[in-house]
């Protein structure tokens, strides 16, 4: 098995290729030309994953490429279920259907992740307030919540990766580890802050 950072770097490289190939209404988005921010944010997302989950997701990306699928495009399509329901209804048939067990695992993962986010919000409100709103009820055509973003991302994972992701989160909970806090701590350090406490005190910018 590859070293953790090697796995993350490989994942982010393949995601970037998929990301810049996403077709947007109105042409290429500015973020599709910002490699540095993309690398920082995506690396942060994976820093709290287990090696086995990372290895499995890298396989998902490689399998998708081989089959002509773009998992990043699919993620944005899934988001539209909440942010643009009418448009989603027109493309829903293009997305793969999810097994009932996968949907159950996604629900369990989201319960863990949202609880973690709520804990961080209480401890570091100024950092969290710089990012996405927390709940899907806050979605609109221009704003995508953390809940919708992550749920949509999970929908693109294979069942194997979902199972390993869930196992990792359950193991972290058993050790009183907040996996989301690991991600956020890594992110703020990439922007020059010493810690989450430092970023919170300085009202530091974070977008996840």
C-alpha atoms as a PDB file:
ATOM      1  CA  UNK A   1       0.000   0.000   0.000  1.00  0.00           C
ATOM      2  CA  UNK A   2       1.267   3.459  -0.861  1.00  0.00           C
ATOM      3  CA  UNK A   3       2.263   6.051   1.721  1.00  0.00           C
ATOM      4  CA  UNK A   4      -0.693   8.187   2.836  1.00  0.00           C
ATOM      5  CA  UNK A   5       0.487  11.421   1.219  1.00  0.00           C
ATOM      6  CA  UNK A   6       1.337   9.551  -1.981  1.00  0.00           C
ATOM      7  CA  UNK A   7      -2.237   8.231  -2.067  1.00  0.00           C
ATOM      8  CA  UNK A   8      -3.672  11.693  -1.406  1.00  0.00           C
ATOM      9  CA  UNK A   9      -1.489  13.294  -4.062  1.00  0.00           C
ATOM     10  CA  UNK A  10      -2.557  10.682  -6.606  1.00  0.00           C
ATOM     11  CA  UNK A  11      -6.222  11.198  -5.759  1.00  0.00           C
ATOM     12  CA  UNK A  12      -5.994  14.975  -6.020  1.00  0.00           C
ATOM     13  CA  UNK A  13      -4.152  14.735  -9.333  1.00  0.00           C
ATOM     14  CA  UNK A  14      -6.910  12.595 -10.852  1.00  0.00           C
ATOM     15  CA  UNK A  15      -9.614  14.776  -9.310  1.00  0.00           C
ATOM     16  CA  UNK A  16      -8.041  17.907 -10.808  1.00  0.00           C
ATOM     17  CA  UNK A  17      -8.114  16.321 -14.269  1.00  0.00           C
ATOM     18  CA  UNK A  18     -11.799  15.535 -13.762  1.00  0.00           C
ATOM     19  CA  UNK A  19     -12.535  18.946 -12.224  1.00  0.00           C
ATOM     20  CA  UNK A  20     -11.169  20.997 -15.108  1.00  0.00           C
ATOM     21  CA  UNK A  21     -13.196  18.830 -17.494  1.00  0.00           C
ATOM     22  CA  UNK A  22     -16.498  19.665 -15.753  1.00  0.00           C
ATOM     23  CA  UNK A  23     -18.796  21.475 -18.186  1.00  0.00           C
ATOM     24  CA  UNK A  24     -20.432  24.544 -16.656  1.00  0.00           C
ATOM     25  CA  UNK A  25     -23.294  26.615 -17.987  1.00  0.00           C
ATOM     26  CA  UNK A  26     -21.668  29.829 -19.154  1.00  0.00           C
ATOM     27  CA  UNK A  27     -18.217  28.358 -19.650  1.00  0.00           C
ATOM     28  CA  UNK A  28     -15.251  27.545 -17.440  1.00  0.00           C
ATOM     29  CA  UNK A  29     -15.507  28.758 -13.834  1.00  0.00           C
ATOM     30  CA  UNK A  30     -12.719  30.788 -12.232  1.00  0.00           C
ATOM     31  CA  UNK A  31     -12.096  28.028  -9.682  1.00  0.00           C
ATOM     32  CA  UNK A  32     -11.205  25.664 -12.544  1.00  0.00           C
ATOM     33  CA  UNK A  33      -8.091  27.749 -13.100  1.00  0.00           C
ATOM     34  CA  UNK A  34      -7.056  27.911  -9.425  1.00  0.00           C
ATOM     35  CA  UNK A  35      -4.922  24.809  -9.023  1.00  0.00           C
ATOM     36  CA  UNK A  36      -3.370  25.874  -5.713  1.00  0.00           C
ATOM     37  CA  UNK A  37      -6.661  26.333  -3.868  1.00  0.00           C
ATOM     38  CA  UNK A  38      -8.034  23.096  -5.299  1.00  0.00           C
ATOM     39  CA  UNK A  39      -5.003  21.134  -4.113  1.00  0.00           C
ATOM     40  CA  UNK A  40      -5.156  22.698  -0.640  1.00  0.00           C
ATOM     41  CA  UNK A  41      -8.857  22.044  -0.146  1.00  0.00           C
ATOM     42  CA  UNK A  42      -8.910  18.541  -1.546  1.00  0.00           C
ATOM     43  CA  UNK A  43      -5.789  17.466   0.336  1.00  0.00           C
ATOM     44  CA  UNK A  44      -7.406  18.767   3.512  1.00  0.00           C
ATOM     45  CA  UNK A  45     -10.482  16.633   2.864  1.00  0.00           C
ATOM     46  CA  UNK A  46      -8.433  13.434   2.733  1.00  0.00           C
ATOM     47  CA  UNK A  47      -5.970  14.028   5.562  1.00  0.00           C
ATOM     48  CA  UNK A  48      -8.252  12.326   8.116  1.00  0.00           C
ATOM     49  CA  UNK A  49      -9.040   9.277   5.972  1.00  0.00           C
ATOM     50  CA  UNK A  50      -7.581   5.840   6.562  1.00  0.00           C
ATOM     51  CA  UNK A  51      -5.121   4.492   4.005  1.00  0.00           C
ATOM     52  CA  UNK A  52      -7.526   1.710   3.082  1.00  0.00           C
ATOM     53  CA  UNK A  53     -10.317   4.206   2.295  1.00  0.00           C
ATOM     54  CA  UNK A  54      -7.910   6.367   0.294  1.00  0.00           C
ATOM     55  CA  UNK A  55      -6.661   3.375  -1.672  1.00  0.00           C
ATOM     56  CA  UNK A  56     -10.235   2.325  -2.419  1.00  0.00           C
ATOM     57  CA  UNK A  57     -11.259   5.795  -3.599  1.00  0.00           C
ATOM     58  CA  UNK A  58      -8.212   6.038  -5.847  1.00  0.00           C
ATOM     59  CA  UNK A  59      -9.388   2.798  -7.441  1.00  0.00           C
ATOM     60  CA  UNK A  60     -12.845   4.390  -7.889  1.00  0.00           C
ATOM     61  CA  UNK A  61     -11.309   7.307  -9.760  1.00  0.00           C
ATOM     62  CA  UNK A  62      -9.203   5.048 -11.987  1.00  0.00           C
ATOM     63  CA  UNK A  63     -12.180   2.798 -12.735  1.00  0.00           C
ATOM     64  CA  UNK A  64     -14.311   5.840 -13.544  1.00  0.00           C
ATOM     65  CA  UNK A  65     -11.687   7.187 -15.943  1.00  0.00           C
ATOM     66  CA  UNK A  66     -11.451   3.816 -17.665  1.00  0.00           C
ATOM     67  CA  UNK A  67     -15.238   3.785 -18.114  1.00  0.00           C
ATOM     68  CA  UNK A  68     -15.548   7.369 -19.322  1.00  0.00           C
ATOM     69  CA  UNK A  69     -17.190   8.654 -16.134  1.00  0.00           C
ATOM     70  CA  UNK A  70     -16.370  11.926 -14.393  1.00  0.00           C
ATOM     71  CA  UNK A  71     -17.044  11.556 -10.653  1.00  0.00           C
ATOM     72  CA  UNK A  72     -16.629  15.287 -10.065  1.00  0.00           C
ATOM     73  CA  UNK A  73     -19.310  16.078 -12.653  1.00  0.00           C
ATOM     74  CA  UNK A  74     -21.541  13.491 -11.023  1.00  0.00           C
ATOM     75  CA  UNK A  75     -20.983  15.084  -7.607  1.00  0.00           C
ATOM     76  CA  UNK A  76     -22.171  18.454  -8.896  1.00  0.00           C
ATOM     77  CA  UNK A  77     -25.141  16.772 -10.551  1.00  0.00           C
ATOM     78  CA  UNK A  78     -26.135  15.155  -7.235  1.00  0.00           C
ATOM     79  CA  UNK A  79     -25.914  18.568  -5.529  1.00  0.00           C
ATOM     80  CA  UNK A  80     -28.564  19.906  -7.888  1.00  0.00           C
ATOM     81  CA  UNK A  81     -31.118  17.637  -6.246  1.00  0.00           C
ATOM     82  CA  UNK A  82     -31.158  20.194  -3.432  1.00  0.00           C
ATOM     83  CA  UNK A  83     -29.854  23.385  -5.057  1.00  0.00           C
ATOM     84  CA  UNK A  84     -31.688  23.210  -8.415  1.00  0.00           C
ATOM     85  CA  UNK A  85     -34.455  20.568  -8.238  1.00  0.00           C
ATOM     86  CA  UNK A  86     -35.979  21.368 -11.648  1.00  0.00           C
ATOM     87  CA  UNK A  87     -32.645  21.019 -13.438  1.00  0.00           C
ATOM     88  CA  UNK A  88     -31.868  17.878 -11.428  1.00  0.00           C
ATOM     89  CA  UNK A  89     -35.109  16.267 -12.589  1.00  0.00           C
ATOM     90  CA  UNK A  90     -33.901  16.608 -16.181  1.00  0.00           C
ATOM     91  CA  UNK A  91     -30.578  14.846 -15.556  1.00  0.00           C
ATOM     92  CA  UNK A  92     -31.477  12.381 -12.797  1.00  0.00           C
ATOM     93  CA  UNK A  93     -31.719   9.500 -15.285  1.00  0.00           C
ATOM     94  CA  UNK A  94     -28.047  10.004 -16.180  1.00  0.00           C
ATOM     95  CA  UNK A  95     -26.847   9.263 -12.650  1.00  0.00           C
ATOM     96  CA  UNK A  96     -26.239   5.728 -11.350  1.00  0.00           C
ATOM     97  CA  UNK A  97     -28.842   4.452  -8.892  1.00  0.00           C
ATOM     98  CA  UNK A  98     -27.661   3.867  -5.328  1.00  0.00           C
ATOM     99  CA  UNK A  99     -28.206   0.597  -3.498  1.00  0.00           C
ATOM    100  CA  UNK A 100     -30.403   0.843  -0.374  1.00  0.00           C
ATOM    101  CA  UNK A 101     -27.444  -0.218   1.802  1.00  0.00           C
ATOM    102  CA  UNK A 102     -25.322   2.574   0.330  1.00  0.00           C
ATOM    103  CA  UNK A 103     -28.026   5.119   1.143  1.00  0.00           C
ATOM    104  CA  UNK A 104     -28.227   3.781   4.708  1.00  0.00           C
ATOM    105  CA  UNK A 105     -24.463   4.100   5.125  1.00  0.00           C
ATOM    106  CA  UNK A 106     -24.514   7.639   3.727  1.00  0.00           C
ATOM    107  CA  UNK A 107     -27.194   8.574   6.276  1.00  0.00           C
ATOM    108  CA  UNK A 108     -25.075   7.130   9.091  1.00  0.00           C
ATOM    109  CA  UNK A 109     -21.983   8.969   7.874  1.00  0.00           C
ATOM    110  CA  UNK A 110     -23.863  12.254   7.596  1.00  0.00           C
ATOM    111  CA  UNK A 111     -25.120  11.926  11.190  1.00  0.00           C
ATOM    112  CA  UNK A 112     -21.500  11.624  12.368  1.00  0.00           C
ATOM    113  CA  UNK A 113     -20.170  14.396  10.135  1.00  0.00           C
ATOM    114  CA  UNK A 114     -22.897  16.901  11.007  1.00  0.00           C
ATOM    115  CA  UNK A 115     -22.439  16.252  14.730  1.00  0.00           C
ATOM    116  CA  UNK A 116     -18.725  16.894  14.322  1.00  0.00           C
ATOM    117  CA  UNK A 117     -19.399  20.120  12.431  1.00  0.00           C
ATOM    118  CA  UNK A 118     -21.785  21.292  15.152  1.00  0.00           C
ATOM    119  CA  UNK A 119     -19.097  20.663  17.780  1.00  0.00           C
ATOM    120  CA  UNK A 120     -16.551  22.646  15.770  1.00  0.00           C
ATOM    121  CA  UNK A 121     -19.036  25.474  15.257  1.00  0.00           C
ATOM    122  CA  UNK A 122     -19.400  25.829  19.014  1.00  0.00           C
ATOM    123  CA  UNK A 123     -15.639  25.830  19.573  1.00  0.00           C
ATOM    124  CA  UNK A 124     -14.454  27.796  16.532  1.00  0.00           C
ATOM    125  CA  UNK A 125     -17.431  29.831  15.287  1.00  0.00           C
ATOM    126  CA  UNK A 126     -15.475  32.417  13.342  1.00  0.00           C
ATOM    127  CA  UNK A 127     -13.643  29.779  11.320  1.00  0.00           C
ATOM    128  CA  UNK A 128     -16.772  27.793  10.482  1.00  0.00           C
ATOM    129  CA  UNK A 129     -18.770  30.903   9.598  1.00  0.00           C
ATOM    130  CA  UNK A 130     -16.274  31.600   6.789  1.00  0.00           C
ATOM    131  CA  UNK A 131     -17.163  28.315   5.107  1.00  0.00           C
ATOM    132  CA  UNK A 132     -20.314  26.733   3.765  1.00  0.00           C
ATOM    133  CA  UNK A 133     -23.619  26.851   5.652  1.00  0.00           C
ATOM    134  CA  UNK A 134     -24.128  23.600   7.496  1.00  0.00           C
ATOM    135  CA  UNK A 135     -27.535  22.268   6.459  1.00  0.00           C
ATOM    136  CA  UNK A 136     -29.242  21.487   3.159  1.00  0.00           C
ATOM    137  CA  UNK A 137     -32.206  23.603   4.181  1.00  0.00           C
ATOM    138  CA  UNK A 138     -29.884  26.585   3.630  1.00  0.00           C
ATOM    139  CA  UNK A 139     -29.178  25.651  -0.001  1.00  0.00           C
ATOM    140  CA  UNK A 140     -30.083  27.824  -2.959  1.00  0.00           C
ATOM    141  CA  UNK A 141     -28.956  28.129  -6.577  1.00  0.00           C
ATOM    142  CA  UNK A 142     -25.841  30.027  -5.528  1.00  0.00           C
ATOM    143  CA  UNK A 143     -25.018  28.381  -2.192  1.00  0.00           C
ATOM    144  CA  UNK A 144     -24.372  24.711  -1.437  1.00  0.00           C
ATOM    145  CA  UNK A 145     -24.324  23.593   2.186  1.00  0.00           C
ATOM    146  CA  UNK A 146     -21.785  21.282   3.796  1.00  0.00           C
ATOM    147  CA  UNK A 147     -24.523  18.654   4.145  1.00  0.00           C
ATOM    148  CA  UNK A 148     -25.451  18.703   0.467  1.00  0.00           C
ATOM    149  CA  UNK A 149     -21.834  18.864  -0.703  1.00  0.00           C
ATOM    150  CA  UNK A 150     -20.667  15.876   1.340  1.00  0.00           C
ATOM    151  CA  UNK A 151     -23.786  13.796   0.734  1.00  0.00           C
ATOM    152  CA  UNK A 152     -23.360  14.357  -3.007  1.00  0.00           C
ATOM    153  CA  UNK A 153     -19.692  13.435  -2.858  1.00  0.00           C
ATOM    154  CA  UNK A 154     -20.443  10.237  -0.966  1.00  0.00           C
ATOM    155  CA  UNK A 155     -22.965   9.312  -3.665  1.00  0.00           C
ATOM    156  CA  UNK A 156     -20.101   9.054  -6.162  1.00  0.00           C
ATOM    157  CA  UNK A 157     -18.126   6.532  -4.099  1.00  0.00           C
ATOM    158  CA  UNK A 158     -18.256   2.793  -4.667  1.00  0.00           C
ATOM    159  CA  UNK A 159     -19.934   0.679  -1.986  1.00  0.00           C
ATOM    160  CA  UNK A 160     -16.472  -0.576  -1.032  1.00  0.00           C
ATOM    161  CA  UNK A 161     -15.210   2.962  -0.447  1.00  0.00           C
ATOM    162  CA  UNK A 162     -18.359   3.974   1.445  1.00  0.00           C
ATOM    163  CA  UNK A 163     -17.926   1.011   3.790  1.00  0.00           C
ATOM    164  CA  UNK A 164     -14.269   1.851   4.441  1.00  0.00           C
ATOM    165  CA  UNK A 165     -15.056   5.541   4.911  1.00  0.00           C
ATOM    166  CA  UNK A 166     -17.771   4.686   7.450  1.00  0.00           C
ATOM    167  CA  UNK A 167     -15.467   2.238   9.253  1.00  0.00           C
ATOM    168  CA  UNK A 168     -12.832   4.970   9.552  1.00  0.00           C
ATOM    169  CA  UNK A 169     -15.308   7.466  10.983  1.00  0.00           C
ATOM    170  CA  UNK A 170     -16.679   4.945  13.490  1.00  0.00           C
ATOM    171  CA  UNK A 171     -13.140   4.106  14.614  1.00  0.00           C
ATOM    172  CA  UNK A 172     -12.392   7.812  15.085  1.00  0.00           C
ATOM    173  CA  UNK A 173     -15.544   8.275  17.137  1.00  0.00           C
ATOM    174  CA  UNK A 174     -14.560   5.347  19.348  1.00  0.00           C
ATOM    175  CA  UNK A 175     -11.274   7.151  20.051  1.00  0.00           C
ATOM    176  CA  UNK A 176     -12.999  10.495  20.669  1.00  0.00           C
ATOM    177  CA  UNK A 177     -11.394  11.898  17.513  1.00  0.00           C
ATOM    178  CA  UNK A 178     -13.273  14.513  15.492  1.00  0.00           C
ATOM    179  CA  UNK A 179     -12.257  13.738  11.919  1.00  0.00           C
ATOM    180  CA  UNK A 180     -13.674  17.034  10.659  1.00  0.00           C
ATOM    181  CA  UNK A 181     -11.469  18.910  13.108  1.00  0.00           C
ATOM    182  CA  UNK A 182      -8.393  17.186  11.649  1.00  0.00           C
ATOM    183  CA  UNK A 183      -9.427  18.428   8.212  1.00  0.00           C
ATOM    184  CA  UNK A 184     -10.046  21.987   9.374  1.00  0.00           C
ATOM    185  CA  UNK A 185      -6.821  22.145  11.384  1.00  0.00           C
ATOM    186  CA  UNK A 186      -4.826  21.070   8.340  1.00  0.00           C
ATOM    187  CA  UNK A 187      -6.639  23.642   6.186  1.00  0.00           C
ATOM    188  CA  UNK A 188      -5.965  26.664   8.389  1.00  0.00           C
ATOM    189  CA  UNK A 189      -2.307  25.728   8.685  1.00  0.00           C
ATOM    190  CA  UNK A 190      -2.043  25.848   4.887  1.00  0.00           C
ATOM    191  CA  UNK A 191      -3.173  29.469   5.144  1.00  0.00           C
ATOM    192  CA  UNK A 192      -0.468  30.339   7.642  1.00  0.00           C
ATOM    193  CA  UNK A 193      -2.288  29.984  10.962  1.00  0.00           C
ATOM    194  CA  UNK A 194      -0.677  28.103  13.821  1.00  0.00           C
ATOM    195  CA  UNK A 195      -3.844  26.314  14.894  1.00  0.00           C
ATOM    196  CA  UNK A 196      -7.633  26.454  14.825  1.00  0.00           C
ATOM    197  CA  UNK A 197      -7.476  28.623  17.929  1.00  0.00           C
ATOM    198  CA  UNK A 198      -5.184  31.048  16.108  1.00  0.00           C
ATOM    199  CA  UNK A 199      -7.434  31.140  13.022  1.00  0.00           C
ATOM    200  CA  UNK A 200     -10.533  31.623  15.162  1.00  0.00           C
ATOM    201  CA  UNK A 201      -8.941  34.478  17.121  1.00  0.00           C
ATOM    202  CA  UNK A 202      -7.922  36.199  13.869  1.00  0.00           C
ATOM    203  CA  UNK A 203     -11.222  35.433  12.146  1.00  0.00           C
ATOM    204  CA  UNK A 204      -9.282  33.563   9.465  1.00  0.00           C
ATOM    205  CA  UNK A 205     -10.680  32.749   5.997  1.00  0.00           C
ATOM    206  CA  UNK A 206     -11.587  29.144   5.319  1.00  0.00           C
ATOM    207  CA  UNK A 207     -13.767  27.721   2.535  1.00  0.00           C
ATOM    208  CA  UNK A 208     -14.471  24.003   2.602  1.00  0.00           C
END
